[in-house]
N, C-alpha and C. Protein backbone atom coordinates (compact mmCIF):
# COMPACT_ATOMS: atom_id res chain seq x y z
N UNK A 1 0.64 -1.16 -0.19
CA UNK A 1 0.20 -0.01 0.21
C UNK A 1 0.97 1.24 -0.08
N UNK A 2 0.42 2.25 -0.95
CA UNK A 2 1.24 3.49 -0.66
C UNK A 2 0.87 4.40 0.67
N UNK A 3 2.05 4.48 1.22
CA UNK A 3 1.90 5.44 2.45
C UNK A 3 2.12 6.98 1.78
N UNK A 4 0.63 7.59 2.56
CA UNK A 4 0.37 8.82 2.22
C UNK A 4 0.69 9.59 3.49
N UNK A 5 1.04 10.89 3.52
CA UNK A 5 1.29 11.25 4.84
C UNK A 5 0.29 11.93 5.49
N UNK A 6 -1.02 11.68 4.91
CA UNK A 6 -2.16 11.84 5.54
C UNK A 6 -3.51 11.50 4.76
N UNK A 7 -4.48 10.31 4.96
CA UNK A 7 -5.35 10.54 4.06
C UNK A 7 -6.86 11.34 5.38
N UNK A 8 -7.25 11.85 3.81
CA UNK A 8 -8.29 13.11 4.65
C UNK A 8 -9.62 12.43 4.35
N UNK A 9 -10.48 12.58 4.98
CA UNK A 9 -11.69 11.76 5.18
C UNK A 9 -12.89 13.03 5.37
N UNK A 10 -13.70 12.61 4.29
CA UNK A 10 -15.25 13.44 4.87
C UNK A 10 -16.08 12.60 5.73
N UNK A 11 -16.67 13.41 6.46
CA UNK A 11 -17.57 12.55 7.37
C UNK A 11 -18.78 11.56 6.96
N UNK A 12 -19.48 12.81 6.57
CA UNK A 12 -21.13 12.30 6.20
C UNK A 12 -21.50 11.61 4.95
N UNK A 13 -21.34 10.51 4.85
CA UNK A 13 -22.08 9.65 3.80
C UNK A 13 -20.70 8.79 3.18
N UNK A 14 -19.59 8.98 3.97
CA UNK A 14 -18.05 8.50 3.84
C UNK A 14 -17.83 7.58 5.19
N UNK A 15 -18.16 7.98 6.23
CA UNK A 15 -17.65 7.42 7.49
C UNK A 15 -18.96 6.86 7.99
N UNK A 16 -20.04 7.40 7.71
CA UNK A 16 -21.15 7.31 8.29
C UNK A 16 -22.52 7.46 7.42
N UNK A 17 -23.69 6.80 7.61
CA UNK A 17 -24.86 7.30 6.80
C UNK A 17 -25.06 8.68 7.09
N UNK A 18 -25.65 9.02 6.07
CA UNK A 18 -26.30 10.40 6.19
C UNK A 18 -27.58 11.13 5.88
N UNK A 19 -28.69 10.79 7.10
CA UNK A 19 -29.81 11.04 6.80
C UNK A 19 -30.12 12.33 6.68
N UNK A 20 -29.25 13.24 6.88
CA UNK A 20 -29.64 14.75 6.51
C UNK A 20 -29.01 15.53 7.77
N UNK A 21 -29.07 16.11 8.18
CA UNK A 21 -28.51 17.19 9.41
C UNK A 21 -28.21 16.29 10.38
N UNK A 22 -27.42 15.80 10.99
CA UNK A 22 -27.01 14.95 12.02
C UNK A 22 -26.91 15.91 13.35
N UNK A 23 -28.30 15.63 14.18
CA UNK A 23 -27.88 16.96 15.51
C UNK A 23 -27.75 16.48 16.57
N UNK A 24 -27.30 15.02 16.88
CA UNK A 24 -27.41 14.53 17.82
C UNK A 24 -26.49 12.93 18.00
N UNK A 25 -26.00 12.63 19.00
CA UNK A 25 -25.18 11.07 18.71
C UNK A 25 -26.08 10.31 18.73
N UNK A 26 -27.18 10.15 18.79
CA UNK A 26 -28.14 8.91 18.65
C UNK A 26 -28.64 9.13 17.13
N UNK A 27 -28.28 10.02 16.11
CA UNK A 27 -28.68 10.07 15.16
C UNK A 27 -27.32 9.81 14.12
N UNK A 28 -26.24 9.57 15.05
CA UNK A 28 -24.66 9.04 14.39
C UNK A 28 -24.51 8.09 14.14
N UNK A 29 -24.25 6.89 13.35
CA UNK A 29 -23.75 5.57 13.68
C UNK A 29 -22.77 5.54 12.07
N UNK A 30 -21.56 4.67 12.42
CA UNK A 30 -20.57 4.72 11.49
C UNK A 30 -21.21 3.34 10.76
N UNK A 31 -20.62 3.42 9.42
CA UNK A 31 -21.13 2.36 8.35
C UNK A 31 -20.34 0.91 9.36
N UNK A 32 -20.90 -0.08 9.06
CA UNK A 32 -20.56 -1.28 9.45
C UNK A 32 -18.95 -1.53 9.31
N UNK A 33 -18.72 -1.41 7.85
CA UNK A 33 -17.48 -1.27 7.47
C UNK A 33 -16.34 -0.26 7.65
N UNK A 34 -16.42 0.74 8.36
CA UNK A 34 -15.73 2.09 8.42
C UNK A 34 -14.66 1.59 9.32
N UNK A 35 -15.00 1.20 10.64
CA UNK A 35 -13.68 1.00 11.19
C UNK A 35 -12.49 -0.10 10.84
N UNK A 36 -13.00 -1.37 10.42
CA UNK A 36 -12.39 -2.35 9.80
C UNK A 36 -11.36 -1.38 8.58
N UNK A 37 -12.11 -0.94 7.52
CA UNK A 37 -11.49 -0.71 6.48
C UNK A 37 -10.62 0.68 7.04
N UNK A 38 -10.77 1.25 7.99
CA UNK A 38 -9.50 2.35 8.48
C UNK A 38 -8.42 1.64 9.07
N UNK A 39 -8.69 0.56 9.63
CA UNK A 39 -8.03 -0.29 10.33
C UNK A 39 -6.68 -0.63 9.24
N UNK A 40 -7.52 -1.27 8.38
CA UNK A 40 -6.47 -1.87 7.42
C UNK A 40 -5.53 -0.79 6.68
N UNK A 41 -6.64 0.35 6.44
CA UNK A 41 -5.10 1.47 5.93
C UNK A 41 -4.40 1.88 6.76
N UNK A 42 -4.45 1.88 8.03
CA UNK A 42 -3.61 2.39 8.88
C UNK A 42 -2.34 1.45 9.08
N UNK A 43 -2.46 0.37 8.89
CA UNK A 43 -1.76 -0.50 8.98
C UNK A 43 -0.43 -0.29 8.70
N UNK A 44 -0.39 0.18 7.39
CA UNK A 44 1.13 0.64 6.78
C UNK A 44 1.30 2.12 7.32
N UNK A 45 0.95 2.42 8.20
CA UNK A 45 1.36 3.55 8.70
C UNK A 45 0.59 4.95 8.27
N UNK A 46 -0.21 4.70 7.68
CA UNK A 46 -1.12 5.64 7.51
C UNK A 46 -1.95 6.37 8.75
N UNK A 47 -2.15 7.94 8.36
CA UNK A 47 -2.70 8.90 9.37
C UNK A 47 -4.07 9.57 9.19
N UNK A 48 -4.74 9.75 9.86
CA UNK A 48 -6.25 10.10 9.06
C UNK A 48 -6.34 11.88 9.68
N UNK A 49 -7.10 12.71 8.79
CA UNK A 49 -7.77 13.78 9.39
C UNK A 49 -9.21 13.82 8.63
N UNK A 50 -9.99 13.99 9.50
CA UNK A 50 -11.54 14.11 8.97
C UNK A 50 -11.38 15.59 8.71
N UNK A 51 -12.30 16.15 7.47
CA UNK A 51 -12.28 17.33 6.86
C UNK A 51 -14.12 17.64 6.41
N UNK A 52 -14.63 18.15 7.42
CA UNK A 52 -16.23 17.96 7.20
C UNK A 52 -16.82 19.30 7.17
N UNK A 53 -17.92 19.78 6.27
CA UNK A 53 -18.60 20.89 5.98
C UNK A 53 -20.08 20.36 6.79
N UNK A 54 -20.55 21.32 7.87
CA UNK A 54 -21.21 21.29 8.79
C UNK A 54 -22.18 22.54 8.81
N UNK A 55 -22.63 22.64 7.74
CA UNK A 55 -23.60 24.03 7.44
C UNK A 55 -24.97 24.02 8.65
N UNK A 56 -25.17 22.80 8.64
CA UNK A 56 -26.35 22.99 9.89
C UNK A 56 -26.09 23.61 11.01
N UNK A 57 -24.84 23.90 11.33
CA UNK A 57 -24.65 25.00 12.50
C UNK A 57 -24.80 26.54 11.98
N UNK A 58 -24.76 26.67 10.95
CA UNK A 58 -24.87 27.74 10.47
C UNK A 58 -25.97 27.90 9.95
N UNK A 59 -26.85 27.19 9.72
CA UNK A 59 -28.10 26.95 9.53
C UNK A 59 -29.26 26.95 10.63
N UNK A 60 -28.58 26.89 11.93
CA UNK A 60 -29.14 26.92 13.19
C UNK A 60 -29.91 25.71 13.17
N UNK A 61 -29.78 24.35 12.52
CA UNK A 61 -30.15 23.07 12.59
C UNK A 61 -29.60 22.24 13.73
N UNK A 62 -28.07 22.52 13.98
CA UNK A 62 -27.25 21.84 14.61
C UNK A 62 -26.65 22.88 15.79
N UNK A 63 -26.66 22.33 16.95
CA UNK A 63 -26.05 23.22 18.28
C UNK A 63 -24.65 22.97 18.12
N UNK A 64 -23.78 23.68 18.25
CA UNK A 64 -22.08 23.36 18.13
C UNK A 64 -21.87 22.25 19.14
N UNK A 65 -22.81 22.50 20.74
CA UNK A 65 -22.30 21.58 21.45
C UNK A 65 -22.53 20.20 21.06
N UNK A 66 -23.67 20.09 20.12
CA UNK A 66 -24.15 18.63 20.19
C UNK A 66 -22.98 18.06 19.24
N UNK A 67 -22.75 18.86 18.10
CA UNK A 67 -21.61 18.61 17.23
C UNK A 67 -20.43 18.05 17.99
N UNK A 68 -19.98 18.90 19.00
CA UNK A 68 -18.83 18.81 19.76
C UNK A 68 -18.76 16.94 20.39
N UNK A 69 -20.13 16.65 20.82
CA UNK A 69 -20.46 15.06 21.23
C UNK A 69 -20.31 14.38 20.40
N UNK A 70 -20.71 14.57 19.42
CA UNK A 70 -20.51 13.31 17.89
C UNK A 70 -19.05 13.23 17.58
N UNK A 71 -18.25 14.61 17.51
CA UNK A 71 -16.89 14.26 17.15
C UNK A 71 -16.10 14.02 18.28
N UNK A 72 -16.38 13.84 19.81
CA UNK A 72 -15.61 13.37 20.58
C UNK A 72 -16.36 11.81 20.63
N UNK A 73 -17.08 11.41 20.23
CA UNK A 73 -17.37 9.71 20.27
C UNK A 73 -16.48 9.19 18.78
N UNK A 74 -16.81 10.16 17.86
CA UNK A 74 -15.59 9.44 16.85
C UNK A 74 -14.29 9.53 17.12
N UNK A 75 -13.65 10.62 17.94
CA UNK A 75 -12.33 10.65 18.52
C UNK A 75 -12.15 9.38 19.26
N UNK A 76 -12.60 9.32 20.03
CA UNK A 76 -13.11 7.92 21.02
C UNK A 76 -12.56 6.73 20.22
N UNK A 77 -13.72 6.79 19.28
CA UNK A 77 -13.91 5.03 18.54
C UNK A 77 -12.56 5.25 18.02
N UNK A 78 -12.23 6.08 17.24
CA UNK A 78 -10.76 6.07 16.19
C UNK A 78 -9.57 5.62 17.62
N UNK A 79 -9.76 6.45 18.56
CA UNK A 79 -8.63 5.75 19.68
C UNK A 79 -8.71 4.38 20.07
N UNK A 80 -9.85 4.29 20.52
CA UNK A 80 -10.05 2.65 21.03
C UNK A 80 -9.89 1.79 20.01
N UNK A 81 -10.17 1.71 18.87
CA UNK A 81 -9.75 0.94 17.41
C UNK A 81 -8.15 0.96 17.02
N UNK A 82 -7.56 1.88 17.90
CA UNK A 82 -6.19 2.38 17.23
C UNK A 82 -5.85 2.67 15.95
N UNK A 83 -6.54 3.58 15.35
CA UNK A 83 -6.49 4.26 14.29
C UNK A 83 -5.93 5.74 14.38
N UNK A 84 -4.83 5.98 13.92
CA UNK A 84 -4.88 7.52 14.17
C UNK A 84 -5.17 8.31 13.44
N UNK A 85 -5.58 9.19 14.50
CA UNK A 85 -6.70 10.15 13.91
C UNK A 85 -5.80 11.85 14.31
N UNK A 86 -5.34 12.65 13.52
CA UNK A 86 -4.67 13.54 13.97
C UNK A 86 -5.64 14.66 14.43
N UNK A 87 -6.82 15.00 13.57
CA UNK A 87 -7.88 16.08 14.13
C UNK A 87 -9.01 15.92 13.14
N UNK A 88 -10.19 16.49 13.95
CA UNK A 88 -11.30 16.75 13.05
C UNK A 88 -11.38 18.31 12.53
N UNK A 89 -11.49 18.42 11.09
CA UNK A 89 -11.37 20.34 10.82
C UNK A 89 -13.20 20.27 10.20
N UNK A 90 -13.79 21.20 10.96
CA UNK A 90 -14.80 21.58 10.46
C UNK A 90 -15.18 23.08 10.10
N UNK A 91 -16.20 23.06 9.12
CA UNK A 91 -16.87 24.64 8.46
C UNK A 91 -17.96 24.44 8.80
N UNK A 92 -18.29 26.18 9.40
CA UNK A 92 -19.72 25.96 9.62
C UNK A 92 -20.68 26.44 9.00
N UNK A 93 -19.85 27.35 7.95
CA UNK A 93 -20.24 28.19 6.80
C UNK A 93 -21.73 28.02 6.17
N UNK A 94 -22.61 28.77 5.95
CA UNK A 94 -23.68 28.44 5.10
C UNK A 94 -23.30 28.38 3.72
N UNK A 95 -23.51 27.69 2.48
CA UNK A 95 -23.14 27.69 1.50
C UNK A 95 -23.22 28.86 0.44
N UNK A 96 -24.39 29.39 1.02
CA UNK A 96 -24.50 30.63 0.57
C UNK A 96 -23.72 32.08 1.10
N UNK A 97 -23.04 32.28 1.85
CA UNK A 97 -22.11 32.73 2.68
C UNK A 97 -20.81 32.21 2.81
N UNK A 98 -19.98 31.51 2.01
CA UNK A 98 -19.17 30.78 2.82
C UNK A 98 -17.61 31.57 2.35
N UNK A 99 -16.49 30.66 3.22
CA UNK A 99 -15.57 31.27 3.00
C UNK A 99 -14.62 30.13 2.08
N UNK A 100 -13.42 30.36 2.16
CA UNK A 100 -12.47 29.29 1.40
C UNK A 100 -12.33 28.13 2.47
N UNK A 101 -12.63 28.26 3.65
CA UNK A 101 -12.82 27.25 4.38
C UNK A 101 -13.76 26.20 4.30
N UNK A 102 -14.72 26.31 3.82
CA UNK A 102 -15.77 25.43 3.24
C UNK A 102 -15.27 24.44 2.02
N UNK A 103 -15.49 23.27 1.96
CA UNK A 103 -14.97 22.66 0.50
C UNK A 103 -16.15 22.91 -0.19
N UNK A 104 -15.62 23.31 -1.45
CA UNK A 104 -14.30 22.85 -2.08
C UNK A 104 -13.11 23.98 -2.08
N UNK A 105 -13.34 24.84 -1.23
CA UNK A 105 -12.38 25.84 -0.65
C UNK A 105 -11.28 24.76 0.42
N UNK A 106 -9.87 25.00 0.39
CA UNK A 106 -8.80 24.85 1.16
C UNK A 106 -8.12 24.66 2.16
N UNK A 107 -8.92 25.69 2.66
CA UNK A 107 -8.52 26.06 4.13
C UNK A 107 -8.04 25.52 5.13
N UNK A 108 -9.26 24.38 5.27
CA UNK A 108 -9.34 23.35 6.24
C UNK A 108 -7.85 22.39 5.85
N UNK A 109 -7.70 22.10 4.71
CA UNK A 109 -6.62 21.51 4.41
C UNK A 109 -5.21 21.99 4.86
N UNK A 110 -4.79 23.51 4.64
CA UNK A 110 -4.02 24.23 5.01
C UNK A 110 -3.74 24.35 6.28
N UNK A 111 -4.82 24.20 6.98
CA UNK A 111 -4.62 24.73 8.56
C UNK A 111 -4.31 23.00 8.73
N UNK A 112 -4.44 21.63 8.37
CA UNK A 112 -3.89 20.94 8.72
C UNK A 112 -2.43 20.52 8.38
N UNK A 113 -1.87 21.03 7.31
CA UNK A 113 -0.57 21.03 7.12
C UNK A 113 0.07 21.77 7.94
N UNK A 114 -0.24 23.05 8.24
CA UNK A 114 -0.10 24.09 9.35
C UNK A 114 0.50 23.31 10.69
N UNK A 115 -0.96 22.82 11.37
CA UNK A 115 -0.84 22.20 12.28
C UNK A 115 0.02 20.25 12.59
N UNK A 116 0.23 19.98 11.36
CA UNK A 116 0.86 18.56 11.53
C UNK A 116 1.87 18.47 10.31
N UNK A 117 2.41 19.92 10.27
CA UNK A 117 3.64 19.52 8.82
C UNK A 117 3.46 18.40 8.14
N UNK A 118 2.36 18.81 7.19
CA UNK A 118 1.76 17.44 6.20
C UNK A 118 2.46 17.88 4.56
N UNK A 119 2.92 17.21 3.77
CA UNK A 119 2.96 17.37 2.35
C UNK A 119 1.76 17.34 1.66
N UNK A 120 1.01 18.32 1.47
CA UNK A 120 -0.40 17.70 0.94
C UNK A 120 -0.37 17.17 -0.27
N UNK A 121 0.37 17.55 -1.32
CA UNK A 121 0.89 16.60 -2.40
C UNK A 121 0.78 15.49 -2.43
N UNK A 122 1.04 14.93 -1.19
CA UNK A 122 1.01 13.40 -0.91
C UNK A 122 0.22 12.85 0.29
N UNK A 123 -1.12 13.49 -0.25
CA UNK A 123 -2.15 13.00 0.41
C UNK A 123 -3.58 12.50 -0.40
N UNK A 124 -4.14 11.68 0.35
CA UNK A 124 -5.36 11.18 -0.21
C UNK A 124 -6.47 11.92 0.53
N UNK A 125 -7.58 12.37 -0.58
CA UNK A 125 -8.80 12.53 -0.05
C UNK A 125 -9.96 11.52 -0.61
N UNK A 126 -10.61 11.76 0.59
CA UNK A 126 -11.84 10.32 0.28
C UNK A 126 -12.69 11.17 0.60
N UNK A 127 -13.89 11.00 -0.06
CA UNK A 127 -15.28 11.54 0.30
C UNK A 127 -16.42 10.88 -0.80
N UNK A 128 -17.66 11.29 -0.86
CA UNK A 128 -18.73 10.81 -1.34
C UNK A 128 -19.46 12.01 -2.38
N UNK A 129 -18.87 12.74 -2.51
CA UNK A 129 -19.33 14.74 -2.95
C UNK A 129 -18.43 15.31 -4.21
N UNK A 130 -18.73 15.43 -4.55
CA UNK A 130 -17.94 16.60 -6.00
C UNK A 130 -17.11 17.54 -5.55
N UNK A 131 -17.67 18.07 -4.18
CA UNK A 131 -16.66 18.96 -3.44
C UNK A 131 -15.55 18.57 -2.97
N UNK A 132 -15.70 17.19 -2.42
CA UNK A 132 -14.52 16.66 -1.91
C UNK A 132 -13.95 15.92 -3.08
N UNK A 133 -13.92 15.70 -4.10
CA UNK A 133 -12.60 15.50 -5.29
C UNK A 133 -12.44 16.65 -5.58
N UNK A 134 -13.24 17.85 -5.74
CA UNK A 134 -12.46 18.84 -6.17
C UNK A 134 -11.62 19.49 -5.31
N UNK A 135 -11.99 19.62 -3.86
CA UNK A 135 -10.87 20.22 -3.22
C UNK A 135 -9.73 19.31 -3.13
N UNK A 136 -9.37 17.89 -2.98
CA UNK A 136 -8.64 17.13 -3.06
C UNK A 136 -7.59 17.49 -4.64
N UNK A 137 -8.65 17.50 -5.61
CA UNK A 137 -7.57 18.01 -7.13
C UNK A 137 -6.83 19.54 -6.88
N UNK A 138 -7.75 20.51 -6.47
CA UNK A 138 -7.19 21.45 -6.31
C UNK A 138 -5.97 21.85 -5.51
N UNK A 139 -5.35 20.85 -4.51
CA UNK A 139 -4.54 20.68 -4.02
C UNK A 139 -3.43 20.09 -4.34
N UNK A 140 -3.73 19.21 -5.50
CA UNK A 140 -2.94 17.93 -6.32
C UNK A 140 -2.66 16.89 -5.55
N UNK A 141 -3.40 16.49 -4.45
CA UNK A 141 -3.46 15.15 -3.94
C UNK A 141 -4.45 14.28 -5.05
N UNK A 142 -4.10 12.92 -4.56
CA UNK A 142 -4.74 11.72 -4.91
C UNK A 142 -6.27 11.83 -4.26
N UNK A 143 -7.16 11.62 -4.86
CA UNK A 143 -9.10 11.52 -4.62
C UNK A 143 -9.51 10.08 -4.99
N UNK A 144 -10.40 10.08 -4.09
CA UNK A 144 -11.32 8.62 -3.96
C UNK A 144 -12.47 8.86 -3.61
N UNK A 145 -13.41 8.30 -4.76
CA UNK A 145 -14.88 8.64 -4.96
C UNK A 145 -15.51 7.47 -3.96
N UNK A 146 -16.08 7.79 -3.01
CA UNK A 146 -17.09 6.23 -2.51
C UNK A 146 -18.11 6.34 -2.82
N UNK A 147 -19.07 5.28 -3.22
CA UNK A 147 -20.11 5.67 -3.86
C UNK A 147 -21.37 5.17 -2.51
N UNK A 148 -20.79 5.73 -1.51
CA UNK A 148 -21.99 5.37 -0.44
C UNK A 148 -22.38 6.60 -0.08
N UNK A 149 -23.67 7.25 0.59
CA UNK A 149 -24.08 8.59 0.90
C UNK A 149 -24.08 9.15 -0.48
N UNK A 150 -23.79 10.59 -1.00
CA UNK A 150 -24.37 11.12 -2.23
C UNK A 150 -23.06 10.74 -3.23
N UNK A 151 -22.29 9.45 -3.29
CA UNK A 151 -21.66 8.92 -4.08
C UNK A 151 -21.92 8.42 -5.68
N UNK A 152 -23.42 8.20 -5.57
CA UNK A 152 -23.60 7.39 -6.82
C UNK A 152 -24.20 8.65 -7.62
N UNK A 153 -24.83 9.76 -7.08
CA UNK A 153 -25.44 10.66 -7.78
C UNK A 153 -24.16 11.73 -8.06
N UNK A 154 -23.03 11.79 -7.34
CA UNK A 154 -21.59 12.33 -7.73
C UNK A 154 -20.96 11.71 -9.02
N UNK A 155 -20.98 10.34 -8.97
CA UNK A 155 -20.32 9.72 -10.22
C UNK A 155 -20.99 10.40 -11.43
N UNK A 156 -22.26 10.51 -11.43
CA UNK A 156 -22.97 11.11 -12.55
C UNK A 156 -22.54 12.36 -13.30
N UNK A 157 -21.90 13.03 -12.06
CA UNK A 157 -21.61 14.63 -12.40
C UNK A 157 -20.23 14.72 -12.64
N UNK A 158 -19.08 13.71 -12.71
CA UNK A 158 -17.86 13.96 -12.90
C UNK A 158 -17.62 14.24 -14.42
N UNK A 159 -16.56 14.88 -14.34
CA UNK A 159 -16.33 15.39 -15.56
C UNK A 159 -14.70 15.04 -15.65
N UNK A 160 -13.91 14.95 -16.81
CA UNK A 160 -12.76 14.84 -17.41
C UNK A 160 -11.82 15.52 -16.13
N UNK A 161 -12.03 16.90 -16.11
CA UNK A 161 -11.19 17.57 -15.44
C UNK A 161 -11.22 17.31 -13.57
N UNK A 162 -12.46 16.73 -12.90
CA UNK A 162 -12.80 16.55 -11.82
C UNK A 162 -12.94 14.76 -11.23
N UNK A 163 -12.02 14.11 -12.55
CA UNK A 163 -12.57 12.65 -12.28
C UNK A 163 -11.47 12.09 -11.33
N UNK A 164 -11.57 11.42 -10.12
CA UNK A 164 -10.85 10.76 -9.20
C UNK A 164 -9.82 9.89 -9.33
N UNK A 165 -8.87 9.78 -8.91
CA UNK A 165 -8.00 8.48 -9.16
C UNK A 165 -8.50 7.30 -8.93
N UNK A 166 -9.47 7.34 -8.20
CA UNK A 166 -10.01 5.73 -7.43
C UNK A 166 -11.63 6.17 -7.36
N UNK A 167 -12.41 5.24 -7.85
CA UNK A 167 -13.99 5.08 -7.64
C UNK A 167 -14.30 3.64 -7.13
N UNK A 168 -14.86 3.72 -5.99
CA UNK A 168 -15.37 2.31 -5.09
C UNK A 168 -16.40 2.40 -4.45
N UNK A 169 -16.89 1.51 -4.50
CA UNK A 169 -18.10 1.18 -3.81
C UNK A 169 -18.20 1.60 -2.49
N UNK A 170 -17.17 1.51 -1.88
CA UNK A 170 -17.61 2.06 -0.12
C UNK A 170 -16.20 2.29 0.38
N UNK A 171 -16.01 2.55 1.67
CA UNK A 171 -14.58 2.50 2.52
C UNK A 171 -13.92 1.01 2.31
N UNK A 172 -14.58 0.21 2.46
CA UNK A 172 -14.08 -0.97 2.75
C UNK A 172 -13.48 -1.62 1.24
N UNK A 173 -14.12 -1.23 0.00
CA UNK A 173 -13.42 -1.44 -0.88
C UNK A 173 -12.25 -0.76 -1.40
N UNK A 174 -12.51 0.76 -0.63
CA UNK A 174 -11.47 1.32 -0.85
C UNK A 174 -10.02 0.79 -0.27
N UNK A 175 -10.13 0.56 0.99
CA UNK A 175 -9.06 0.15 1.78
C UNK A 175 -8.68 -1.21 0.97
N UNK A 176 -9.12 -2.11 0.48
CA UNK A 176 -8.93 -3.11 -0.45
C UNK A 176 -7.96 -2.87 -1.89
N UNK A 177 -8.64 -1.63 -2.58
CA UNK A 177 -7.75 -1.32 -3.40
C UNK A 177 -6.26 -0.42 -3.15
N UNK A 178 -6.24 0.13 -1.85
CA UNK A 178 -5.18 0.78 -1.93
C UNK A 178 -4.46 -0.37 -0.94
N UNK A 179 -4.69 -1.03 -0.62
CA UNK A 179 -3.42 -2.20 0.43
C UNK A 179 -3.30 -3.27 -0.80
N UNK A 180 -3.91 -3.30 -2.07
CA UNK A 180 -3.24 -4.42 -2.92
C UNK A 180 -1.28 -3.91 -3.21
């Protein structure tokens, strides 16, 4: 498996089901394959960052303290399962009034680069949305589209310019492809 400086992960639709704005821990659950897939990717020394747009906060649909509970749970699960997570970067911007922090902007990636000394061109972005792929492409990193979440819809929107390096059914298949 190629060892990346960091594997960036989108959250909703990539790591967990995406029923809409997840506003409480009771509404959050990892896909059944997520933990095992990430453990497999971590075997060769890969580390992770989660990069997530959470406009539900900006829209007033999610309380920040409830989001922090969800992210504390995610961090604890990664730690409990020995999956190295550097951090979770979050953008609360509403899409109609967004900064470069909101994907497909790259400010969250640059923040991770600064915080952890990453070479972004030697990283991988995994997500289910066109904005995940565009973010990674903008930076020059490898990209992987998972067909969970919005992935199937996203696949129909891909053009030659934003076509990812990998297209896989889910994170489990992504781990298998990367570990060949």
